[in-house]
């Protein structure tokens, strides 16, 4: 670990008059630190070094209290800077998350058919990368009776700075789940989504597609566009597996943007034929 920077003559002068008002001492400290940062190749003077000098000069308790507050603010700023740098480095290494789960079921609203990445797949991909950069995450949950399910993803850096991302949703009543399974299903979903939001994985996926040399037309459609196609398939009684086979995709969200208008036009035409 580097030694504390040497205290210069102008730093010592600030504590020669111990009886000086604490606010004035603190102002002088901050001015000295700012001036030192502006000097080329000059070592930064930390608040802790200032505190050491104040103790040696028998500074008043009020002065020491304000210097300690300055030290806390300085440490918090350093921790946040380290967090931002670690997040930027980690996100640069996180690849596109593989979609490893297929959802395919039929309800009163029609058939649902798509692929997504589950929480285990996200964790398997990001955990080693986050750990290398001193980052970790955990979840805080809440599920009071007759209240929505709440999940908070907390991403922390080893220096102590952390950021939170919270999502709330109702219990998942789809299928034949009992009350505990309904809560569990929502918890799993919200954990996955808060983690993706906290790490910016949705944006990373989009950036990766373009970095790979794909044009906008070659990228997959949005979730809203996929929902529109599903709705039209339900209205026209189109078999989704056969539709996906015809489009040479495994699931509707993998339809490319360049195919979207042609698909919509075809389904709308089928809808009109059925209505006539």
Protein backbone atom coordinates (compact mmCIF):
# COMPACT_ATOMS: atom_id res chain seq x y z
CA UNK A 1 0.00 0.00 0.00
CA UNK A 2 1.33 3.50 -0.85
CA UNK A 3 2.49 5.65 2.05
CA UNK A 4 0.52 8.74 3.02
CA UNK A 5 1.63 11.74 0.91
CA UNK A 6 4.01 14.17 2.58
CA UNK A 7 2.32 17.15 4.23
CA UNK A 8 3.60 20.36 2.66
CA UNK A 9 4.40 23.59 4.48
CA UNK A 10 1.13 25.28 3.52
CA UNK A 11 -0.80 22.31 5.02
CA UNK A 12 1.02 22.67 8.34
CA UNK A 13 0.30 26.38 8.49
CA UNK A 14 -3.44 25.69 8.57
CA UNK A 15 -3.18 24.13 12.01
CA UNK A 16 -0.72 26.50 13.67
CA UNK A 17 -3.56 28.52 15.18
CA UNK A 18 -5.51 25.87 17.06
CA UNK A 19 -8.11 28.34 18.26
CA UNK A 20 -9.16 29.24 14.72
CA UNK A 21 -12.95 28.61 14.06
CA UNK A 22 -13.68 25.09 12.78
CA UNK A 23 -15.57 26.29 9.71
CA UNK A 24 -12.60 28.40 8.66
CA UNK A 25 -10.19 25.51 9.21
CA UNK A 26 -12.38 23.18 7.13
CA UNK A 27 -12.62 25.77 4.35
CA UNK A 28 -8.83 26.10 4.32
CA UNK A 29 -8.45 22.32 4.17
CA UNK A 30 -10.78 22.00 1.19
CA UNK A 31 -9.06 24.91 -0.58
CA UNK A 32 -5.67 23.32 -0.03
CA UNK A 33 -6.87 19.98 -1.39
CA UNK A 34 -8.36 21.65 -4.47
CA UNK A 35 -5.18 23.62 -5.11
CA UNK A 36 -3.03 20.51 -4.73
CA UNK A 37 -5.18 18.61 -7.28
CA UNK A 38 -4.51 21.38 -9.80
CA UNK A 39 -0.74 21.03 -9.51
CA UNK A 40 0.79 18.75 -12.10
CA UNK A 41 2.41 15.63 -10.65
CA UNK A 42 1.62 16.73 -7.09
CA UNK A 43 0.50 13.96 -4.71
CA UNK A 44 -3.08 14.33 -3.49
CA UNK A 45 -3.44 15.21 0.18
CA UNK A 46 -6.14 13.03 1.73
CA UNK A 47 -8.46 14.20 4.49
CA UNK A 48 -6.94 11.54 6.76
CA UNK A 49 -3.53 13.18 6.40
CA UNK A 50 -5.14 16.45 7.37
CA UNK A 51 -6.74 14.79 10.42
CA UNK A 52 -3.36 13.41 11.52
CA UNK A 53 -1.87 16.90 11.34
CA UNK A 54 -4.83 18.38 13.19
CA UNK A 55 -4.38 15.85 16.01
CA UNK A 56 -0.68 16.70 16.24
CA UNK A 57 -1.60 20.38 16.45
CA UNK A 58 -4.20 19.84 19.21
CA UNK A 59 -7.09 21.05 17.05
CA UNK A 60 -10.46 21.55 18.71
CA UNK A 61 -13.03 18.72 18.83
CA UNK A 62 -15.31 20.75 16.55
CA UNK A 63 -12.54 21.01 13.96
CA UNK A 64 -11.83 17.28 14.16
CA UNK A 65 -15.52 16.46 13.79
CA UNK A 66 -15.76 18.47 10.59
CA UNK A 67 -12.57 16.94 9.24
CA UNK A 68 -13.94 13.46 9.95
CA UNK A 69 -17.10 14.37 8.01
CA UNK A 70 -14.86 15.49 5.14
CA UNK A 71 -13.03 12.15 5.32
CA UNK A 72 -16.34 10.24 5.14
CA UNK A 73 -17.42 12.22 2.07
CA UNK A 74 -14.04 11.61 0.45
CA UNK A 75 -14.22 7.86 1.10
CA UNK A 76 -17.78 7.71 -0.26
CA UNK A 77 -16.66 9.49 -3.42
CA UNK A 78 -13.75 7.11 -3.88
CA UNK A 79 -16.04 4.10 -3.38
CA UNK A 80 -18.53 5.36 -5.95
CA UNK A 81 -15.76 6.04 -8.45
CA UNK A 82 -14.43 2.50 -7.95
CA UNK A 83 -17.96 1.09 -8.40
CA UNK A 84 -18.49 2.97 -11.67
CA UNK A 85 -15.14 1.86 -13.04
CA UNK A 86 -15.76 -1.77 -12.05
CA UNK A 87 -19.25 -1.77 -13.60
CA UNK A 88 -17.95 -0.31 -16.85
CA UNK A 89 -15.19 -2.92 -17.04
CA UNK A 90 -17.54 -5.80 -16.18
CA UNK A 91 -20.22 -4.78 -18.68
CA UNK A 92 -17.58 -4.63 -21.39
CA UNK A 93 -16.88 -8.33 -20.77
CA UNK A 94 -20.42 -9.69 -20.29
CA UNK A 95 -21.49 -11.50 -23.47
CA UNK A 96 -24.98 -11.92 -24.84
CA UNK A 97 -26.92 -14.16 -22.45
CA UNK A 98 -27.99 -17.42 -24.09
CA UNK A 99 -31.76 -17.99 -24.25
CA UNK A 100 -32.01 -21.44 -22.71
CA UNK A 101 -35.69 -21.75 -21.76
CA UNK A 102 -38.68 -22.30 -24.06
CA UNK A 103 -42.10 -21.11 -22.89
CA UNK A 104 -44.97 -22.78 -24.74
CA UNK A 105 -48.49 -22.99 -23.34
CA UNK A 106 -52.08 -22.27 -24.31
CA UNK A 107 -54.55 -20.31 -22.20
CA UNK A 108 -57.88 -18.58 -22.73
CA UNK A 109 -55.94 -15.67 -24.25
CA UNK A 110 -54.34 -17.94 -26.83
CA UNK A 111 -51.00 -19.65 -27.23
CA UNK A 112 -47.78 -18.27 -25.73
CA UNK A 113 -44.55 -19.37 -27.37
CA UNK A 114 -41.14 -17.75 -26.84
CA UNK A 115 -37.64 -18.33 -25.47
CA UNK A 116 -35.83 -16.51 -22.68
CA UNK A 117 -32.79 -16.80 -20.43
CA UNK A 118 -33.51 -18.01 -16.88
CA UNK A 119 -31.90 -16.69 -13.69
CA UNK A 120 -29.47 -19.60 -13.46
CA UNK A 121 -28.17 -18.93 -16.98
CA UNK A 122 -27.71 -15.23 -16.24
CA UNK A 123 -25.88 -16.04 -12.99
CA UNK A 124 -23.65 -18.63 -14.69
CA UNK A 125 -22.62 -16.01 -17.26
CA UNK A 126 -22.17 -12.88 -15.13
CA UNK A 127 -20.99 -14.16 -11.73
CA UNK A 128 -17.34 -14.90 -12.66
CA UNK A 129 -17.03 -11.56 -14.46
CA UNK A 130 -18.54 -9.53 -11.63
CA UNK A 131 -16.33 -11.30 -9.08
CA UNK A 132 -13.15 -10.43 -11.01
CA UNK A 133 -14.06 -6.75 -10.72
CA UNK A 134 -15.00 -6.79 -7.04
CA UNK A 135 -18.75 -6.75 -7.67
CA UNK A 136 -21.52 -8.89 -6.22
CA UNK A 137 -25.30 -8.84 -6.02
CA UNK A 138 -28.04 -10.00 -3.71
CA UNK A 139 -31.83 -9.75 -3.52
CA UNK A 140 -34.15 -8.29 -0.91
CA UNK A 141 -37.75 -9.51 -1.17
CA UNK A 142 -41.10 -8.64 0.34
CA UNK A 143 -44.39 -10.52 0.02
CA UNK A 144 -46.89 -9.40 2.62
CA UNK A 145 -50.38 -10.90 2.57
CA UNK A 146 -52.69 -9.20 0.05
CA UNK A 147 -49.85 -7.01 -1.23
CA UNK A 148 -47.79 -7.16 -4.44
CA UNK A 149 -44.52 -9.06 -4.49
CA UNK A 150 -41.47 -6.78 -4.32
CA UNK A 151 -37.89 -7.65 -5.26
CA UNK A 152 -34.87 -5.37 -4.91
CA UNK A 153 -31.57 -6.28 -6.60
CA UNK A 154 -28.57 -4.77 -4.76
CA UNK A 155 -25.30 -4.59 -6.71
CA UNK A 156 -22.32 -3.88 -4.41
CA UNK A 157 -18.63 -3.13 -4.80
CA UNK A 158 -16.02 -4.42 -2.35
CA UNK A 159 -15.28 -0.83 -1.21
CA UNK A 160 -18.82 -0.54 0.09
CA UNK A 161 -20.73 1.47 -2.51
CA UNK A 162 -23.93 -0.14 -3.80
CA UNK A 163 -26.93 0.62 -6.01
CA UNK A 164 -30.46 -0.81 -5.85
CA UNK A 165 -33.10 -1.60 -8.46
CA UNK A 166 -36.65 -2.52 -7.39
CA UNK A 167 -39.59 -4.04 -9.27
CA UNK A 168 -43.06 -4.93 -7.97
CA UNK A 169 -45.60 -7.36 -9.41
CA UNK A 170 -48.68 -9.42 -8.49
CA UNK A 171 -48.52 -13.16 -7.76
CA UNK A 172 -48.43 -15.26 -10.94
CA UNK A 173 -51.90 -16.82 -11.16
CA UNK A 174 -51.35 -18.51 -14.53
CA UNK A 175 -51.71 -22.26 -14.75
CA UNK A 176 -52.70 -24.38 -11.76
CA UNK A 177 -50.29 -22.91 -9.19
CA UNK A 178 -51.16 -22.83 -5.50
CA UNK A 179 -50.67 -19.60 -3.53
CA UNK A 180 -47.05 -20.32 -2.60
CA UNK A 181 -46.14 -21.30 -6.15
CA UNK A 182 -47.74 -18.08 -7.43
CA UNK A 183 -45.49 -16.01 -5.17
CA UNK A 184 -42.44 -18.12 -6.02
CA UNK A 185 -43.01 -17.72 -9.75
CA UNK A 186 -43.24 -13.93 -9.42
CA UNK A 187 -40.14 -13.80 -7.20
CA UNK A 188 -38.10 -15.72 -9.76
CA UNK A 189 -39.30 -13.49 -12.59
CA UNK A 190 -38.63 -10.26 -10.70
CA UNK A 191 -35.17 -11.45 -9.60
CA UNK A 192 -34.28 -12.09 -13.22
CA UNK A 193 -35.61 -8.75 -14.43
CA UNK A 194 -34.11 -6.62 -11.63
CA UNK A 195 -30.71 -8.23 -12.16
CA UNK A 196 -30.88 -7.59 -15.90
CA UNK A 197 -31.92 -3.98 -15.28
CA UNK A 198 -29.23 -3.40 -12.64
CA UNK A 199 -26.48 -4.70 -14.94
CA UNK A 200 -27.88 -3.16 -18.12
CA UNK A 201 -28.05 -6.53 -19.84
CA UNK A 202 -30.92 -5.56 -22.16
CA UNK A 203 -28.85 -2.72 -23.60
CA UNK A 204 -25.80 -4.97 -23.81
CA UNK A 205 -27.72 -7.51 -25.91
CA UNK A 206 -28.76 -4.77 -28.33
CA UNK A 207 -25.23 -3.38 -28.53
CA UNK A 208 -23.79 -6.84 -29.14
CA UNK A 209 -26.09 -7.37 -32.12
CA UNK A 210 -24.83 -4.21 -33.75
CA UNK A 211 -21.21 -4.88 -32.78
CA UNK A 212 -21.44 -8.20 -34.56
CA UNK A 213 -22.03 -6.35 -37.81
CA UNK A 214 -25.79 -6.76 -37.96
CA UNK A 215 -27.86 -4.00 -39.48
CA UNK A 216 -31.05 -2.85 -37.77
CA UNK A 217 -33.11 -4.97 -40.18
CA UNK A 218 -31.18 -8.11 -39.19
CA UNK A 219 -31.82 -7.65 -35.46
CA UNK A 220 -34.70 -9.50 -33.75
CA UNK A 221 -38.04 -7.76 -33.35
CA UNK A 222 -38.98 -6.04 -30.11
CA UNK A 223 -41.13 -7.72 -27.45
CA UNK A 224 -44.02 -5.41 -28.41
CA UNK A 225 -43.77 -6.55 -32.02
CA UNK A 226 -43.61 -10.18 -30.89
CA UNK A 227 -46.77 -9.63 -28.83
CA UNK A 228 -48.52 -8.22 -31.93
CA UNK A 229 -47.60 -11.32 -33.94
CA UNK A 230 -48.81 -13.63 -31.15
CA UNK A 231 -52.12 -11.80 -30.99
CA UNK A 232 -52.64 -12.09 -34.74
CA UNK A 233 -51.69 -15.78 -34.65
CA UNK A 234 -54.34 -16.32 -31.97
CA UNK A 235 -56.98 -14.38 -33.94
CA UNK A 236 -56.26 -16.29 -37.14
CA UNK A 237 -55.79 -19.67 -35.40
CA UNK A 238 -52.29 -19.88 -36.83
CA UNK A 239 -50.24 -22.77 -35.49
CA UNK A 240 -47.22 -21.09 -33.88
CA UNK A 241 -44.76 -24.02 -34.18
CA UNK A 242 -45.57 -24.30 -37.91
CA UNK A 243 -45.29 -20.51 -38.22
CA UNK A 244 -41.83 -20.59 -36.60
CA UNK A 245 -40.79 -23.47 -38.85
CA UNK A 246 -41.89 -21.48 -41.91
CA UNK A 247 -39.95 -18.40 -40.72
CA UNK A 248 -36.91 -20.58 -39.88
CA UNK A 249 -36.82 -19.42 -36.24
CA UNK A 250 -37.18 -21.26 -32.95
CA UNK A 251 -39.53 -18.69 -31.39
CA UNK A 252 -41.49 -15.60 -32.42
CA UNK A 253 -39.07 -13.10 -30.74
CA UNK A 254 -36.34 -14.34 -33.10
CA UNK A 255 -38.18 -13.05 -36.19
CA UNK A 256 -35.94 -10.39 -37.76
CA UNK A 257 -36.98 -6.75 -38.07
CA UNK A 258 -36.75 -6.98 -41.86
CA UNK A 259 -39.42 -9.74 -41.85
CA UNK A 260 -41.82 -8.02 -39.47
CA UNK A 261 -43.90 -5.99 -41.93
CA UNK A 262 -44.25 -8.96 -44.31
CA UNK A 263 -45.40 -11.19 -41.45
CA UNK A 264 -47.95 -8.64 -40.24
CA UNK A 265 -49.28 -8.09 -43.75
CA UNK A 266 -49.67 -11.84 -44.27
CA UNK A 267 -51.49 -12.38 -40.96
CA UNK A 268 -53.73 -9.35 -41.51
CA UNK A 269 -54.66 -10.70 -44.96
CA UNK A 270 -55.51 -14.09 -43.40
CA UNK A 271 -57.59 -12.32 -40.78
CA UNK A 272 -59.58 -10.51 -43.48
CA UNK A 273 -60.15 -13.75 -45.38
CA UNK A 274 -61.50 -15.44 -42.27
CA UNK A 275 -63.80 -12.51 -41.58
CA UNK A 276 -65.30 -12.48 -45.10
